[in-house]
Amino acid sequence: MSVDPFLLLGASAADLVQAHPVDPGRVRPHRVVDGDGYKIRMLTMDAGSVMREHRAPVPILVQVVAGGIRFRVAGTEHVLSPGGTITVTAGVLHELEADQPSHVLLVLLG
């Protein structure tokens, strides 16, 4: 059995958004892919929804695909719009709040 050397997740941000609808009033993680040493999730967040302060067991990369969020980490709030990207070391407390319906790509490394 052969393994494809690539996996197209979406040809555009619009493709990623369309594949993962926002649930009213919710934060919802959608499994995109589990790879060798990484996992990719699409977080959909309705306006005003909050992913309360938590820790990831591995380093993470967070990128806003659509919408806008407030990302709080280490006592600082970062306002992220589409394309905004942040990394966080494993075990560091952080929180996300959506200012509008949002799609956030989460990559768990390790």
C-alpha atoms as a PDB file:
ATOM      1  CA  MET A   1       0.000   0.000   0.000  1.00  0.00           C
ATOM      2  CA  SER A   2       1.450   3.380  -0.964  1.00  0.00           C
ATOM      3  CA  VAL A   3       1.125   6.557   1.069  1.00  0.00           C
ATOM      4  CA  ASP A   4       0.410   9.857  -0.652  1.00  0.00           C
ATOM      5  CA  PRO A   5       3.308  12.321  -0.263  1.00  0.00           C
ATOM      6  CA  PHE A   6       0.874  15.198   0.448  1.00  0.00           C
ATOM      7  CA  LEU A   7      -2.608  16.007   1.719  1.00  0.00           C
ATOM      8  CA  LEU A   8      -4.421  19.104   0.462  1.00  0.00           C
ATOM      9  CA  LEU A   9      -6.434  20.476   3.388  1.00  0.00           C
ATOM     10  CA  GLY A  10      -7.962  23.258   1.309  1.00  0.00           C
ATOM     11  CA  ALA A  11      -7.009  25.291  -1.723  1.00  0.00           C
ATOM     12  CA  SER A  12      -8.121  28.466   0.037  1.00  0.00           C
ATOM     13  CA  ALA A  13      -9.241  29.809   3.391  1.00  0.00           C
ATOM     14  CA  ALA A  14     -12.779  29.724   1.989  1.00  0.00           C
ATOM     15  CA  ASP A  15     -12.460  25.949   1.471  1.00  0.00           C
ATOM     16  CA  LEU A  16     -11.464  25.462   5.111  1.00  0.00           C
ATOM     17  CA  VAL A  17     -14.292  27.677   6.347  1.00  0.00           C
ATOM     18  CA  GLN A  18     -16.907  25.947   4.196  1.00  0.00           C
ATOM     19  CA  ALA A  19     -15.824  22.489   5.388  1.00  0.00           C
ATOM     20  CA  HIS A  20     -16.302  23.400   9.070  1.00  0.00           C
ATOM     21  CA  PRO A  21     -19.468  25.361   9.907  1.00  0.00           C
ATOM     22  CA  VAL A  22     -19.718  27.415  13.099  1.00  0.00           C
ATOM     23  CA  ASP A  23     -22.193  26.034  15.656  1.00  0.00           C
ATOM     24  CA  PRO A  24     -24.325  28.764  17.278  1.00  0.00           C
ATOM     25  CA  GLY A  25     -23.030  29.670  20.736  1.00  0.00           C
ATOM     26  CA  ARG A  26     -20.270  27.054  20.732  1.00  0.00           C
ATOM     27  CA  VAL A  27     -16.562  26.408  20.490  1.00  0.00           C
ATOM     28  CA  ARG A  28     -16.071  23.193  18.551  1.00  0.00           C
ATOM     29  CA  PRO A  29     -12.856  21.399  17.536  1.00  0.00           C
ATOM     30  CA  HIS A  30     -13.019  19.581  14.195  1.00  0.00           C
ATOM     31  CA  ARG A  31     -10.443  16.866  13.470  1.00  0.00           C
ATOM     32  CA  VAL A  32      -8.654  17.726  10.223  1.00  0.00           C
ATOM     33  CA  VAL A  33      -5.758  15.274  10.255  1.00  0.00           C
ATOM     34  CA  ASP A  34      -3.550  13.269  12.610  1.00  0.00           C
ATOM     35  CA  GLY A  35      -0.068  12.990  11.153  1.00  0.00           C
ATOM     36  CA  ASP A  36       3.275  11.600  12.230  1.00  0.00           C
ATOM     37  CA  GLY A  37       4.213  13.872  15.140  1.00  0.00           C
ATOM     38  CA  TYR A  38       1.416  16.401  14.709  1.00  0.00           C
ATOM     39  CA  LYS A  39      -2.353  16.872  14.831  1.00  0.00           C
ATOM     40  CA  ILE A  40      -4.349  19.554  13.023  1.00  0.00           C
ATOM     41  CA  ARG A  41      -7.716  20.765  14.264  1.00  0.00           C
ATOM     42  CA  MET A  42     -10.052  23.485  13.037  1.00  0.00           C
ATOM     43  CA  LEU A  43     -11.634  25.308  15.954  1.00  0.00           C
ATOM     44  CA  THR A  44     -14.923  26.944  15.096  1.00  0.00           C
ATOM     45  CA  MET A  45     -16.045  29.634  17.504  1.00  0.00           C
ATOM     46  CA  ASP A  46     -19.252  31.625  17.483  1.00  0.00           C
ATOM     47  CA  ALA A  47     -19.117  35.320  18.363  1.00  0.00           C
ATOM     48  CA  GLY A  48     -18.667  35.757  22.110  1.00  0.00           C
ATOM     49  CA  SER A  49     -17.716  32.143  22.737  1.00  0.00           C
ATOM     50  CA  VAL A  50     -14.707  31.444  24.929  1.00  0.00           C
ATOM     51  CA  MET A  51     -12.292  28.540  25.143  1.00  0.00           C
ATOM     52  CA  ARG A  52     -11.524  28.975  28.833  1.00  0.00           C
ATOM     53  CA  GLU A  53      -7.980  29.046  30.162  1.00  0.00           C
ATOM     54  CA  HIS A  54      -6.278  25.702  29.631  1.00  0.00           C
ATOM     55  CA  ARG A  55      -2.896  24.116  28.859  1.00  0.00           C
ATOM     56  CA  ALA A  56      -1.818  22.050  25.870  1.00  0.00           C
ATOM     57  CA  PRO A  57       0.394  19.046  26.626  1.00  0.00           C
ATOM     58  CA  VAL A  58       2.551  19.797  23.557  1.00  0.00           C
ATOM     59  CA  PRO A  59       3.710  22.972  21.772  1.00  0.00           C
ATOM     60  CA  ILE A  60       0.980  24.509  19.604  1.00  0.00           C
ATOM     61  CA  LEU A  61       0.637  26.855  16.660  1.00  0.00           C
ATOM     62  CA  VAL A  62      -2.615  28.820  16.354  1.00  0.00           C
ATOM     63  CA  GLN A  63      -3.626  30.713  13.192  1.00  0.00           C
ATOM     64  CA  VAL A  64      -6.841  32.611  12.489  1.00  0.00           C
ATOM     65  CA  VAL A  65      -8.299  31.573   9.134  1.00  0.00           C
ATOM     66  CA  ALA A  66     -11.467  33.714   9.285  1.00  0.00           C
ATOM     67  CA  GLY A  67     -13.067  36.024  11.833  1.00  0.00           C
ATOM     68  CA  GLY A  68     -11.178  37.431  14.783  1.00  0.00           C
ATOM     69  CA  ILE A  69     -10.165  36.328  18.264  1.00  0.00           C
ATOM     70  CA  ARG A  70      -8.528  37.558  21.426  1.00  0.00           C
ATOM     71  CA  PHE A  71      -5.733  35.208  22.455  1.00  0.00           C
ATOM     72  CA  ARG A  72      -4.621  35.594  26.055  1.00  0.00           C
ATOM     73  CA  VAL A  73      -1.299  34.150  27.187  1.00  0.00           C
ATOM     74  CA  ALA A  74       1.304  35.071  29.817  1.00  0.00           C
ATOM     75  CA  GLY A  75      -0.692  38.106  30.993  1.00  0.00           C
ATOM     76  CA  THR A  76      -0.978  39.592  27.505  1.00  0.00           C
ATOM     77  CA  GLU A  77      -3.970  39.795  25.183  1.00  0.00           C
ATOM     78  CA  HIS A  78      -3.290  39.549  21.449  1.00  0.00           C
ATOM     79  CA  VAL A  79      -6.008  40.572  18.986  1.00  0.00           C
ATOM     80  CA  LEU A  80      -5.669  38.255  15.982  1.00  0.00           C
ATOM     81  CA  SER A  81      -7.361  38.682  12.612  1.00  0.00           C
ATOM     82  CA  PRO A  82      -7.135  36.405   9.536  1.00  0.00           C
ATOM     83  CA  GLY A  83      -3.535  35.351   9.073  1.00  0.00           C
ATOM     84  CA  GLY A  84      -2.641  36.186  12.678  1.00  0.00           C
ATOM     85  CA  THR A  85      -0.511  33.398  14.112  1.00  0.00           C
ATOM     86  CA  ILE A  86       0.934  32.606  17.527  1.00  0.00           C
ATOM     87  CA  THR A  87       2.878  29.715  19.047  1.00  0.00           C
ATOM     88  CA  VAL A  88       2.690  28.573  22.655  1.00  0.00           C
ATOM     89  CA  THR A  89       5.066  26.297  24.546  1.00  0.00           C
ATOM     90  CA  ALA A  90       3.685  23.098  26.080  1.00  0.00           C
ATOM     91  CA  GLY A  91       2.058  23.549  29.471  1.00  0.00           C
ATOM     92  CA  VAL A  92       1.481  27.320  29.235  1.00  0.00           C
ATOM     93  CA  LEU A  93      -1.975  28.601  30.234  1.00  0.00           C
ATOM     94  CA  HIS A  94      -3.859  30.359  27.438  1.00  0.00           C
ATOM     95  CA  GLU A  95      -7.421  31.359  26.511  1.00  0.00           C
ATOM     96  CA  LEU A  96      -9.276  32.244  23.290  1.00  0.00           C
ATOM     97  CA  GLU A  97     -12.322  34.471  22.862  1.00  0.00           C
ATOM     98  CA  ALA A  98     -14.079  35.049  19.540  1.00  0.00           C
ATOM     99  CA  ASP A  99     -15.027  38.633  18.661  1.00  0.00           C
ATOM    100  CA  GLN A 100     -17.040  37.322  15.702  1.00  0.00           C
ATOM    101  CA  PRO A 101     -17.782  33.903  14.183  1.00  0.00           C
ATOM    102  CA  SER A 102     -14.278  32.522  13.672  1.00  0.00           C
ATOM    103  CA  HIS A 103     -12.271  29.649  12.237  1.00  0.00           C
ATOM    104  CA  VAL A 104      -8.954  28.959  13.945  1.00  0.00           C
ATOM    105  CA  LEU A 105      -6.399  26.425  12.742  1.00  0.00           C
ATOM    106  CA  LEU A 106      -4.692  24.609  15.609  1.00  0.00           C
ATOM    107  CA  VAL A 107      -1.549  22.537  15.071  1.00  0.00           C
ATOM    108  CA  LEU A 108      -0.426  20.361  17.987  1.00  0.00           C
ATOM    109  CA  LEU A 109       3.259  19.519  17.603  1.00  0.00           C
ATOM    110  CA  GLY A 110       4.583  16.324  19.071  1.00  0.00           C
END
